[in-house]
């Protein structure tokens, strides 16, 4: 079974909105925790990573 890779978006704010793009799902607001440095959308599994955490491999 091949799993489709998740989309990863680099962001600069810890509060982000996701709507799945082009009417993909209802818009949800997500909060990136300081501990993790990233959050995944519960609808589309898109991963939002804070810019300063992308380089550290989190």
PDB file of N, CA and C in Angstrom:
ATOM      1  N   UNK A   1       0.850  -1.173   0.000  1.00  0.00           N
ATOM      2  CA  UNK A   1       0.000   0.000   0.000  1.00  0.00           C
ATOM      3  C   UNK A   1       0.900   1.242   0.000  1.00  0.00           C
ATOM      4  N   UNK A   2       0.752   2.114  -0.983  1.00  0.00           N
ATOM      5  CA  UNK A   2       1.499   3.362  -1.047  1.00  0.00           C
ATOM      6  C   UNK A   2       0.715   4.457  -0.358  1.00  0.00           C
ATOM      7  N   UNK A   3       1.366   5.102   0.586  1.00  0.00           N
ATOM      8  CA  UNK A   3       0.726   6.205   1.300  1.00  0.00           C
ATOM      9  C   UNK A   3       1.128   7.514   0.649  1.00  0.00           C
ATOM     10  N   UNK A   4       0.155   8.374   0.375  1.00  0.00           N
ATOM     11  CA  UNK A   4       0.421   9.675  -0.222  1.00  0.00           C
ATOM     12  C   UNK A   4       1.121  10.540   0.819  1.00  0.00           C
ATOM     13  N   UNK A   5       2.268  11.142   0.460  1.00  0.00           N
ATOM     14  CA  UNK A   5       2.976  11.976   1.433  1.00  0.00           C
ATOM     15  C   UNK A   5       2.146  13.192   1.812  1.00  0.00           C
ATOM     16  N   UNK A   6       2.263  13.602   3.057  1.00  0.00           N
ATOM     17  CA  UNK A   6       1.544  14.773   3.542  1.00  0.00           C
ATOM     18  C   UNK A   6       2.189  16.037   2.991  1.00  0.00           C
ATOM     19  N   UNK A   7       1.358  17.040   2.789  1.00  0.00           N
ATOM     20  CA  UNK A   7       1.876  18.337   2.384  1.00  0.00           C
ATOM     21  C   UNK A   7       2.421  19.031   3.624  1.00  0.00           C
ATOM     22  N   UNK A   8       3.592  19.640   3.502  1.00  0.00           N
ATOM     23  CA  UNK A   8       4.208  20.375   4.605  1.00  0.00           C
ATOM     24  C   UNK A   8       4.302  21.835   4.196  1.00  0.00           C
ATOM     25  N   UNK A   9       3.757  22.700   5.049  1.00  0.00           N
ATOM     26  CA  UNK A   9       3.802  24.133   4.769  1.00  0.00           C
ATOM     27  C   UNK A   9       4.604  24.814   5.862  1.00  0.00           C
ATOM     28  N   UNK A  10       5.575  25.609   5.447  1.00  0.00           N
ATOM     29  CA  UNK A  10       6.385  26.388   6.372  1.00  0.00           C
ATOM     30  C   UNK A  10       5.646  27.693   6.664  1.00  0.00           C
ATOM     31  N   UNK A  11       5.444  27.999   7.948  1.00  0.00           N
ATOM     32  CA  UNK A  11       4.704  29.202   8.339  1.00  0.00           C
ATOM     33  C   UNK A  11       5.517  30.002   9.345  1.00  0.00           C
ATOM     34  N   UNK A  12       5.145  31.268   9.509  1.00  0.00           N
ATOM     35  CA  UNK A  12       5.854  32.135  10.451  1.00  0.00           C
ATOM     36  C   UNK A  12       5.014  32.490  11.670  1.00  0.00           C
ATOM     37  N   UNK A  13       3.740  32.098  11.669  1.00  0.00           N
ATOM     38  CA  UNK A  13       2.850  32.385  12.800  1.00  0.00           C
ATOM     39  C   UNK A  13       2.423  31.080  13.453  1.00  0.00           C
ATOM     40  N   UNK A  14       2.196  31.117  14.763  1.00  0.00           N
ATOM     41  CA  UNK A  14       1.825  29.890  15.479  1.00  0.00           C
ATOM     42  C   UNK A  14       0.334  29.576  15.367  1.00  0.00           C
ATOM     43  N   UNK A  15      -0.463  30.505  14.864  1.00  0.00           N
ATOM     44  CA  UNK A  15      -1.893  30.256  14.639  1.00  0.00           C
ATOM     45  C   UNK A  15      -2.127  30.281  13.136  1.00  0.00           C
ATOM     46  N   UNK A  16      -2.624  29.176  12.596  1.00  0.00           N
ATOM     47  CA  UNK A  16      -2.813  29.060  11.152  1.00  0.00           C
ATOM     48  C   UNK A  16      -4.216  28.552  10.847  1.00  0.00           C
ATOM     49  N   UNK A  17      -4.698  28.867   9.651  1.00  0.00           N
ATOM     50  CA  UNK A  17      -5.996  28.374   9.189  1.00  0.00           C
ATOM     51  C   UNK A  17      -5.767  27.409   8.040  1.00  0.00           C
ATOM     52  N   UNK A  18      -6.602  26.368   7.985  1.00  0.00           N
ATOM     53  CA  UNK A  18      -6.521  25.411   6.883  1.00  0.00           C
ATOM     54  C   UNK A  18      -7.934  25.138   6.388  1.00  0.00           C
ATOM     55  N   UNK A  19      -8.104  25.164   5.061  1.00  0.00           N
ATOM     56  CA  UNK A  19      -9.409  24.835   4.478  1.00  0.00           C
ATOM     57  C   UNK A  19      -9.268  23.756   3.406  1.00  0.00           C
ATOM     58  N   UNK A  20      -8.107  23.139   3.343  1.00  0.00           N
ATOM     59  CA  UNK A  20      -7.885  22.073   2.373  1.00  0.00           C
ATOM     60  C   UNK A  20      -7.694  22.570   0.956  1.00  0.00           C
ATOM     61  N   UNK A  21      -7.815  23.854   0.725  1.00  0.00           N
ATOM     62  CA  UNK A  21      -7.637  24.419  -0.610  1.00  0.00           C
ATOM     63  C   UNK A  21      -8.808  24.134  -1.529  1.00  0.00           C
ATOM     64  N   UNK A  22      -9.297  25.119  -2.197  1.00  0.00           N
ATOM     65  CA  UNK A  22     -10.380  25.009  -3.188  1.00  0.00           C
ATOM     66  C   UNK A  22     -11.580  24.207  -2.679  1.00  0.00           C
ATOM     67  N   UNK A  23     -12.045  24.569  -1.493  1.00  0.00           N
ATOM     68  CA  UNK A  23     -13.241  23.924  -0.953  1.00  0.00           C
ATOM     69  C   UNK A  23     -13.015  22.512  -0.470  1.00  0.00           C
ATOM     70  N   UNK A  24     -11.799  22.205  -0.036  1.00  0.00           N
ATOM     71  CA  UNK A  24     -11.467  20.852   0.391  1.00  0.00           C
ATOM     72  C   UNK A  24     -12.167  20.410   1.666  1.00  0.00           C
ATOM     73  N   UNK A  25     -12.287  21.309   2.635  1.00  0.00           N
ATOM     74  CA  UNK A  25     -12.970  21.006   3.893  1.00  0.00           C
ATOM     75  C   UNK A  25     -13.284  22.322   4.598  1.00  0.00           C
ATOM     76  N   UNK A  26     -14.089  22.281   5.660  1.00  0.00           N
ATOM     77  CA  UNK A  26     -14.382  23.530   6.393  1.00  0.00           C
ATOM     78  C   UNK A  26     -13.100  24.143   6.946  1.00  0.00           C
ATOM     79  N   UNK A  27     -13.037  25.463   6.990  1.00  0.00           N
ATOM     80  CA  UNK A  27     -11.858  26.140   7.528  1.00  0.00           C
ATOM     81  C   UNK A  27     -11.758  25.877   9.024  1.00  0.00           C
ATOM     82  N   UNK A  28     -10.581  25.470   9.440  1.00  0.00           N
ATOM     83  CA  UNK A  28     -10.290  25.266  10.857  1.00  0.00           C
ATOM     84  C   UNK A  28      -9.067  26.093  11.225  1.00  0.00           C
ATOM     85  N   UNK A  29      -9.041  26.571  12.458  1.00  0.00           N
ATOM     86  CA  UNK A  29      -7.893  27.302  12.979  1.00  0.00           C
ATOM     87  C   UNK A  29      -7.104  26.354  13.857  1.00  0.00           C
ATOM     88  N   UNK A  30      -5.805  26.325  13.640  1.00  0.00           N
ATOM     89  CA  UNK A  30      -4.928  25.413  14.352  1.00  0.00           C
ATOM     90  C   UNK A  30      -3.865  26.208  15.102  1.00  0.00           C
ATOM     91  N   UNK A  31      -3.471  25.713  16.266  1.00  0.00           N
ATOM     92  CA  UNK A  31      -2.452  26.362  17.086  1.00  0.00           C
ATOM     93  C   UNK A  31      -1.217  25.471  17.146  1.00  0.00           C
ATOM     94  N   UNK A  32      -0.090  26.024  16.770  1.00  0.00           N
ATOM     95  CA  UNK A  32       1.167  25.285  16.828  1.00  0.00           C
ATOM     96  C   UNK A  32       1.749  25.447  18.226  1.00  0.00           C
ATOM     97  N   UNK A  33       1.995  24.326  18.890  1.00  0.00           N
ATOM     98  CA  UNK A  33       2.546  24.394  20.245  1.00  0.00           C
ATOM     99  C   UNK A  33       4.030  24.729  20.188  1.00  0.00           C
ATOM    100  N   UNK A  34       4.503  25.422  21.207  1.00  0.00           N
ATOM    101  CA  UNK A  34       5.910  25.773  21.279  1.00  0.00           C
ATOM    102  C   UNK A  34       6.800  24.561  21.462  1.00  0.00           C
ATOM    103  N   UNK A  35       6.283  23.526  22.097  1.00  0.00           N
ATOM    104  CA  UNK A  35       7.070  22.311  22.335  1.00  0.00           C
ATOM    105  C   UNK A  35       7.350  21.557  21.043  1.00  0.00           C
ATOM    106  N   UNK A  36       6.303  21.350  20.237  1.00  0.00           N
ATOM    107  CA  UNK A  36       6.454  20.574  19.009  1.00  0.00           C
ATOM    108  C   UNK A  36       6.983  21.398  17.846  1.00  0.00           C
ATOM    109  N   UNK A  37       6.453  22.609  17.690  1.00  0.00           N
ATOM    110  CA  UNK A  37       6.842  23.444  16.559  1.00  0.00           C
ATOM    111  C   UNK A  37       6.093  23.118  15.289  1.00  0.00           C
ATOM    112  N   UNK A  38       5.069  22.272  15.373  1.00  0.00           N
ATOM    113  CA  UNK A  38       4.264  21.904  14.207  1.00  0.00           C
ATOM    114  C   UNK A  38       2.891  21.437  14.656  1.00  0.00           C
ATOM    115  N   UNK A  39       1.956  21.408  13.696  1.00  0.00           N
ATOM    116  CA  UNK A  39       0.610  20.898  13.934  1.00  0.00           C
ATOM    117  C   UNK A  39       0.097  20.311  12.626  1.00  0.00           C
ATOM    118  N   UNK A  40      -0.749  19.287  12.726  1.00  0.00           N
ATOM    119  CA  UNK A  40      -1.356  18.685  11.541  1.00  0.00           C
ATOM    120  C   UNK A  40      -2.846  18.974  11.518  1.00  0.00           C
ATOM    121  N   UNK A  41      -3.367  19.239  10.321  1.00  0.00           N
ATOM    122  CA  UNK A  41      -4.797  19.462  10.141  1.00  0.00           C
ATOM    123  C   UNK A  41      -5.528  18.130  10.345  1.00  0.00           C
ATOM    124  N   UNK A  42      -6.585  18.125  11.161  1.00  0.00           N
ATOM    125  CA  UNK A  42      -7.319  16.874  11.394  1.00  0.00           C
ATOM    126  C   UNK A  42      -8.128  16.413  10.178  1.00  0.00           C
ATOM    127  N   UNK A  43      -8.356  17.298   9.218  1.00  0.00           N
ATOM    128  CA  UNK A  43      -9.111  16.927   8.017  1.00  0.00           C
ATOM    129  C   UNK A  43      -8.212  16.378   6.912  1.00  0.00           C
ATOM    130  N   UNK A  44      -7.194  17.124   6.533  1.00  0.00           N
ATOM    131  CA  UNK A  44      -6.409  16.764   5.350  1.00  0.00           C
ATOM    132  C   UNK A  44      -4.979  16.319   5.671  1.00  0.00           C
ATOM    133  N   UNK A  45      -4.616  16.316   6.933  1.00  0.00           N
ATOM    134  CA  UNK A  45      -3.283  15.898   7.388  1.00  0.00           C
ATOM    135  C   UNK A  45      -2.151  16.789   6.892  1.00  0.00           C
ATOM    136  N   UNK A  46      -2.468  17.975   6.394  1.00  0.00           N
ATOM    137  CA  UNK A  46      -1.422  18.918   6.022  1.00  0.00           C
ATOM    138  C   UNK A  46      -0.663  19.284   7.298  1.00  0.00           C
ATOM    139  N   UNK A  47       0.653  19.342   7.202  1.00  0.00           N
ATOM    140  CA  UNK A  47       1.487  19.642   8.363  1.00  0.00           C
ATOM    141  C   UNK A  47       1.995  21.071   8.245  1.00  0.00           C
ATOM    142  N   UNK A  48       1.760  21.877   9.272  1.00  0.00           N
ATOM    143  CA  UNK A  48       2.233  23.253   9.336  1.00  0.00           C
ATOM    144  C   UNK A  48       3.403  23.288  10.310  1.00  0.00           C
ATOM    145  N   UNK A  49       4.556  23.762   9.823  1.00  0.00           N
ATOM    146  CA  UNK A  49       5.774  23.790  10.623  1.00  0.00           C
ATOM    147  C   UNK A  49       6.245  25.233  10.757  1.00  0.00           C
ATOM    148  N   UNK A  50       6.524  25.657  11.996  1.00  0.00           N
ATOM    149  CA  UNK A  50       7.081  26.992  12.193  1.00  0.00           C
ATOM    150  C   UNK A  50       8.446  27.069  11.529  1.00  0.00           C
ATOM    151  N   UNK A  51       8.704  28.171  10.858  1.00  0.00           N
ATOM    152  CA  UNK A  51       9.921  28.315  10.061  1.00  0.00           C
ATOM    153  C   UNK A  51      11.179  27.983  10.855  1.00  0.00           C
ATOM    154  N   UNK A  52      11.312  28.476  12.063  1.00  0.00           N
ATOM    155  CA  UNK A  52      12.533  28.241  12.822  1.00  0.00           C
ATOM    156  C   UNK A  52      12.654  26.797  13.307  1.00  0.00           C
ATOM    157  N   UNK A  53      11.610  25.981  13.195  1.00  0.00           N
ATOM    158  CA  UNK A  53      11.684  24.576  13.580  1.00  0.00           C
ATOM    159  C   UNK A  53      11.928  23.658  12.381  1.00  0.00           C
ATOM    160  N   UNK A  54      11.776  24.177  11.166  1.00  0.00           N
ATOM    161  CA  UNK A  54      11.972  23.357   9.974  1.00  0.00           C
ATOM    162  C   UNK A  54      13.437  22.933   9.867  1.00  0.00           C
ATOM    163  N   UNK A  55      14.347  23.830  10.202  1.00  0.00           N
ATOM    164  CA  UNK A  55      15.777  23.541  10.080  1.00  0.00           C
ATOM    165  C   UNK A  55      16.277  22.564  11.141  1.00  0.00           C
ATOM    166  N   UNK A  56      15.587  22.441  12.270  1.00  0.00           N
ATOM    167  CA  UNK A  56      16.053  21.580  13.352  1.00  0.00           C
ATOM    168  C   UNK A  56      15.537  20.161  13.217  1.00  0.00           C
ATOM    169  N   UNK A  57      14.696  19.887  12.213  1.00  0.00           N
ATOM    170  CA  UNK A  57      14.214  18.533  11.976  1.00  0.00           C
ATOM    171  C   UNK A  57      13.003  18.151  12.778  1.00  0.00           C
ATOM    172  N   UNK A  58      12.367  19.080  13.444  1.00  0.00           N
ATOM    173  CA  UNK A  58      11.134  18.777  14.201  1.00  0.00           C
ATOM    174  C   UNK A  58       9.964  18.592  13.271  1.00  0.00           C
TER     175      UNK A  58
END
